[in-house]
Protein backbone atom coordinates (compact mmCIF):
# COMPACT_ATOMS: atom_id res chain seq x y z
CA ILE A 1 75.85 85.77 64.29
CA ALA A 2 74.20 83.99 61.52
CA PHE A 3 74.55 80.64 62.97
CA LEU A 4 73.25 81.82 66.37
CA ILE A 5 70.20 83.03 64.76
CA HIS A 6 69.52 80.01 62.77
CA PHE A 7 70.12 77.75 66.14
CA VAL A 8 67.65 79.90 67.87
CA ILE A 9 65.10 79.53 64.94
CA ILE A 10 65.55 75.79 64.92
CA ILE A 11 65.16 75.41 68.95
CA PHE A 12 61.92 77.84 68.48
CA ILE A 13 60.34 75.51 65.89
CA ALA A 14 61.40 72.23 67.42
CA HIS A 15 60.23 73.12 71.01
CA PRO A 16 57.26 70.90 72.11
CA ILE A 17 55.26 73.74 73.53
CA HIS A 18 54.40 75.02 70.22
CA THR A 19 52.52 71.64 69.19
CA GLU A 20 49.88 72.98 71.47
CA VAL A 21 48.62 75.54 69.23
CA VAL A 22 48.92 73.18 66.06
CA THR A 23 47.13 70.42 67.75
CA SER A 24 44.06 72.52 68.45
CA LEU A 25 42.45 73.48 64.86
CA LYS A 26 40.49 76.25 66.93
CA ASN A 27 43.70 78.06 67.47
CA ARG A 28 44.11 78.70 63.74
CA ASP A 29 43.36 82.22 64.81
CA GLU A 30 46.49 82.31 66.91
CA LEU A 31 48.68 81.03 64.00
CA LEU A 32 47.41 83.50 61.66
CA SER A 33 47.79 86.46 64.12
CA PHE A 34 51.46 84.99 64.83
CA LEU A 35 52.11 85.14 60.97
CA PHE A 36 50.80 88.42 60.35
CA SER A 37 52.61 89.72 63.62
CA ILE A 38 55.96 88.48 62.04
CA LEU A 39 55.27 90.04 58.74
CA THR A 40 54.63 93.37 60.33
CA LEU A 41 57.73 93.11 62.10
CA ARG A 42 59.61 92.32 58.94
CA SER A 43 57.86 95.41 57.33
CA VAL A 44 58.78 97.61 60.29
CA MET A 45 62.28 96.55 59.87
CA GLN A 46 62.70 97.53 56.62
CA TYR A 47 61.11 100.88 57.26
CA ALA A 48 63.60 101.57 60.11
CA GLY A 49 66.38 100.68 57.72
CA LYS A 50 65.31 102.79 54.76
CA PRO A 51 62.02 104.73 55.48
CA GLY A 52 59.41 104.61 52.83
CA ILE A 53 55.83 104.71 51.98
CA SER A 54 55.53 100.89 50.69
CA SER A 55 57.21 99.54 53.82
CA LEU A 56 55.27 101.63 56.43
CA ALA A 57 51.82 100.91 54.49
CA SER A 58 52.70 97.02 54.39
CA SER A 59 53.42 97.12 57.94
CA ILE A 60 49.93 98.66 58.76
CA VAL A 61 48.18 96.27 56.30
CA PHE A 62 50.00 93.33 58.08
CA PHE A 63 49.09 94.48 61.56
CA ILE A 64 45.46 95.22 60.58
CA LEU A 65 45.19 91.29 59.52
CA ALA A 66 47.06 90.37 62.78
CA VAL A 67 44.70 92.12 64.74
CA MET A 68 41.60 90.96 62.87
CA SER A 69 42.88 87.39 63.30
CA LYS A 70 43.31 87.67 67.08
CA ALA A 71 43.49 90.71 69.54
CA SER A 72 46.61 89.25 71.06
CA ALA A 73 48.56 90.72 68.19
CA LEU A 74 48.48 93.95 70.64
CA VAL A 75 51.59 92.45 72.24
CA PHE A 76 53.64 92.89 69.17
CA ALA A 77 52.69 96.71 69.32
CA ALA A 78 55.21 96.64 72.38
CA LEU A 79 57.44 93.79 71.25
CA ILE A 80 58.32 95.44 68.03
CA PRO A 81 59.69 98.81 69.35
CA LEU A 82 61.72 96.90 71.86
CA ILE A 83 63.23 94.80 69.05
CA LEU A 84 63.98 98.13 67.28
CA TYR A 85 65.80 99.58 70.36
CA PHE A 86 67.71 96.62 71.27
CA PHE A 87 68.79 95.17 67.71
CA THR A 88 68.84 98.30 65.29
CA GLU A 89 70.24 102.09 65.50
CA THR A 90 66.72 103.50 65.15
CA SER A 91 66.20 106.67 66.92
CA ILE A 92 64.07 106.88 70.21
CA LYS A 93 61.80 109.26 68.45
CA ARG A 94 60.99 106.75 65.37
CA ILE A 95 60.59 103.89 67.84
CA PHE A 96 57.95 105.79 69.68
CA ASN A 97 56.26 107.03 66.25
CA ILE A 98 56.00 103.38 65.24
CA PHE A 99 54.44 102.39 68.71
CA PHE A 100 52.26 105.01 68.21
CA ILE A 101 51.09 103.93 64.78
CA LEU A 102 50.66 100.44 65.88
CA LEU A 103 48.72 101.24 68.74
CA ILE A 104 46.25 103.62 66.68
CA VAL A 105 45.94 100.61 63.90
CA PHE A 106 45.02 98.15 67.11
CA LEU A 107 42.46 100.60 68.56
CA LEU A 108 40.69 101.25 65.30
CA VAL A 109 40.34 97.66 64.20
CA ARG A 110 39.61 96.45 67.54
CA TYR A 111 36.81 99.21 68.57
CA LEU A 112 35.74 101.02 65.39
CA PRO A 113 33.50 98.49 64.20
CA ASN A 114 31.56 98.71 67.60
CA LEU A 115 30.25 102.07 66.17
CA PHE A 116 28.53 100.41 63.16
CA LEU A 117 27.79 96.90 64.04
CA PRO A 118 25.09 95.69 66.56
CA PRO A 119 26.72 94.06 69.73
CA GLY A 120 27.37 90.38 69.60
CA TYR A 121 26.01 88.82 72.62
CA ARG A 122 25.22 85.46 73.96
CA ASP A 123 25.11 83.84 77.40
CA LYS A 124 28.27 82.47 78.41
CA GLU A 125 28.73 79.30 80.47
CA PHE A 126 31.11 78.98 83.48
CA PHE A 127 32.97 76.13 81.77
CA GLU A 128 33.87 78.34 78.60
CA ASN A 129 35.58 81.00 80.73
CA PRO A 130 35.58 80.92 84.44
CA LEU A 131 37.08 84.34 84.67
CA LEU A 132 33.80 85.80 83.32
CA PHE A 133 32.43 84.76 86.66
CA GLU A 134 35.14 86.08 88.87
CA SER A 135 34.51 89.90 89.44
CA THR A 136 37.31 90.28 92.13
CA PHE A 137 40.63 92.10 90.79
CA SER A 138 42.75 89.90 93.06
CA THR A 139 41.18 86.74 91.94
CA ARG A 140 41.69 87.80 88.19
CA LEU A 141 45.33 88.88 89.01
CA GLY A 142 46.16 85.63 90.89
CA ILE A 143 45.11 83.59 88.22
CA ALA A 144 47.06 85.65 85.69
CA PHE A 145 50.41 85.02 87.82
CA TYR A 146 49.36 81.27 88.17
CA SER A 147 49.04 81.06 84.53
CA LEU A 148 52.34 82.93 84.08
CA LEU A 149 54.05 80.28 86.35
CA ILE A 150 52.63 77.33 84.10
CA TYR A 151 54.03 78.73 80.89
CA LEU A 152 57.24 79.34 82.47
CA LYS A 153 57.50 76.21 83.63
CA LEU A 154 56.39 74.77 80.14
CA MET A 155 59.49 76.55 78.63
CA PHE A 156 62.01 74.64 80.61
CA PHE A 157 59.91 71.49 81.02
CA PRO A 158 57.26 71.14 78.44
CA HIS A 159 54.89 68.29 79.95
CA PRO A 160 52.18 67.72 80.13
CA LEU A 161 50.89 69.87 76.90
CA LEU A 162 47.43 70.51 76.35
CA PHE A 163 45.53 72.39 73.65
CA TYR A 164 43.17 73.83 76.21
CA TYR A 165 44.05 75.46 79.47
CA GLY A 166 40.44 76.84 80.61
CA PHE A 167 38.00 75.02 82.85
CA GLU A 168 39.36 72.78 85.25
CA LYS A 169 42.78 73.22 83.91
CA ILE A 170 43.86 75.98 85.98
CA PRO A 171 42.26 76.60 89.37
CA ILE A 172 40.64 79.91 90.32
CA VAL A 173 43.31 80.96 93.13
CA GLY A 174 43.70 84.17 94.72
CA LEU A 175 46.76 86.28 95.34
CA THR A 176 47.40 84.65 98.88
CA ASN A 177 48.28 81.12 96.81
CA PRO A 178 51.80 79.96 97.47
CA LEU A 179 52.59 79.45 93.71
CA VAL A 180 51.14 82.55 93.14
CA ILE A 181 53.42 84.47 95.39
CA ILE A 182 56.24 82.33 93.96
CA SER A 183 55.06 83.74 90.40
CA VAL A 184 54.87 87.04 91.48
CA LEU A 185 58.32 87.22 93.00
CA ILE A 186 59.94 85.53 89.89
CA HIS A 187 58.43 87.97 87.38
CA ALA A 188 59.08 91.05 89.78
CA ALA A 189 62.66 90.09 89.83
CA LEU A 190 62.77 89.47 85.82
CA PHE A 191 60.87 93.00 85.47
CA ILE A 192 63.43 94.87 87.51
CA TYR A 193 66.51 93.20 86.04
CA ALA A 194 65.04 94.21 82.68
CA VAL A 195 64.71 97.88 83.77
CA ILE A 196 68.25 98.01 85.00
CA ARG A 197 69.79 96.42 82.02
CA ILE A 198 67.59 98.21 79.60
CA LYS A 199 70.28 101.19 78.88
CA ASP A 200 72.97 98.51 78.16
CA LYS A 201 70.74 97.04 75.56
CA SER A 202 71.39 93.68 77.22
CA VAL A 203 69.79 91.11 75.41
CA ILE A 204 69.07 88.98 78.70
């Protein structure tokens, strides 16, 4: 098991897709968010194994830092309970409690400052984020599934690698785009398989 874990870590570190974030200095927020999220996971695992105030407190502090670095840390509010379910003997009740705590922490850190700080606003340009100018739900969903297909492809064939996937890198597409339909079918199949095998705690 130890060898397998180290092998997976080496593959993870060496995978070319991770050079994208490193290449772009702007993405330091992503690196910090991931670092603090991993530290949150470590503290939560300690808490699950031996409940204590110190491990719970450190989990909350690390997750606050993760969310303050970038809101994408919210993904770990779902990943951490899943990791506990698949790789530990933690009770379902405690897993739900941990998920609830992480979710509350995220909501407080993300939205509480809005009650005290003036709203930050400036005009956005189309090239900064084309999605802001696409109001239809079907278009947003189409772009989302198109993006998922790109990242799925990059996991197996990491070329070409870019540090920016915004304007003119990902096209504005709808749900009727053939690649979007393929992406929906692939991810729907993966989701259904995951739901079917979740009781078996299948790693796949």
